[in-house]
Protein backbone atom coordinates (compact mmCIF):
# COMPACT_ATOMS: atom_id res chain seq x y z
CA MET A 1 -13.65 0.76 -3.06
CA THR A 2 -10.31 1.04 -1.28
CA VAL A 3 -8.34 4.29 -1.43
CA LEU A 4 -4.58 4.27 -0.82
CA SER A 5 -2.63 7.52 -0.26
CA PHE A 6 1.13 7.01 -0.18
CA ASP A 7 3.80 9.20 1.41
CA GLU A 8 7.38 8.61 2.50
CA GLN A 9 6.39 7.33 5.95
CA GLY A 10 3.46 5.04 5.14
CA VAL A 11 0.05 4.72 3.57
CA ASP A 12 -3.28 6.24 4.54
CA VAL A 13 -6.05 3.77 3.76
CA VAL A 14 -9.81 4.06 3.44
CA TYR A 15 -11.35 0.58 3.34
CA GLU A 16 -15.12 0.05 3.51
CA GLY A 17 -15.55 3.47 5.11
CA THR A 18 -12.85 2.92 7.75
CA GLU A 19 -9.77 5.14 7.69
CA PHE A 20 -6.43 3.92 9.07
CA ARG A 21 -2.70 4.19 8.49
CA LEU A 22 -0.16 1.52 7.59
CA GLU A 23 3.25 2.67 8.76
CA LYS A 24 6.37 2.10 6.67
CA ASP A 25 7.86 -0.37 9.22
CA LEU A 26 4.71 -2.51 9.25
CA ILE A 27 4.67 -2.68 5.44
CA GLU A 28 8.37 -3.62 5.34
CA ASP A 29 7.84 -6.35 7.96
CA ALA A 30 4.83 -7.77 6.12
CA THR A 31 6.46 -7.81 2.69
CA GLN A 32 10.08 -8.44 3.70
CA LYS A 33 11.05 -5.67 1.27
CA SER A 34 12.38 -2.15 1.53
CA TYR A 35 9.45 0.30 1.59
CA PRO A 36 10.35 2.00 -1.74
CA ASP A 37 10.41 -1.42 -3.47
CA VAL A 38 6.92 -2.46 -2.34
CA THR A 39 4.19 -2.05 -4.98
CA ASP A 40 0.75 -0.54 -4.68
CA HIS A 41 -0.70 -3.97 -5.52
CA GLU A 42 1.13 -5.54 -2.57
CA VAL A 43 -0.27 -2.92 -0.18
CA LEU A 44 -3.76 -3.42 -1.57
CA GLN A 45 -3.40 -7.17 -1.01
CA MET A 46 -2.53 -6.45 2.64
CA VAL A 47 -5.79 -4.51 3.05
CA GLU A 48 -8.35 -6.41 0.95
CA PRO A 49 -8.92 -10.16 1.17
CA ASP A 50 -9.45 -10.60 -2.60
CA PRO A 51 -8.63 -7.35 -4.40
CA SER A 52 -9.36 -6.67 -8.04
CA LEU A 53 -5.92 -5.76 -9.36
CA SER A 54 -5.83 -3.77 -12.57
CA GLY A 55 -3.05 -2.10 -14.47
CA GLN A 56 0.66 -2.49 -13.86
CA PRO A 57 1.89 -2.47 -10.26
CA GLN A 58 3.83 0.63 -9.29
CA ARG A 59 6.66 0.75 -6.78
CA ILE A 60 6.13 3.18 -3.89
CA ALA A 61 9.37 4.93 -4.93
CA GLU A 62 7.67 5.85 -8.22
CA ILE A 63 4.49 7.04 -6.53
CA VAL A 64 5.99 9.37 -3.88
CA ARG A 65 8.58 11.12 -6.07
């Protein structure tokens, strides 16, 4: 299971027992979007090769209010 923890500067990730951080700039470069407009599903797709996406995607702006 992958755990994503969002804040205004990036995302803390736990993937298969490994913890790391995806910085805001890296996410913006990878998605070609402004950080607040990126969705949690898009970040999960950056981390996992074939993620199981459930529910509606949420924009980071909605998550870090």
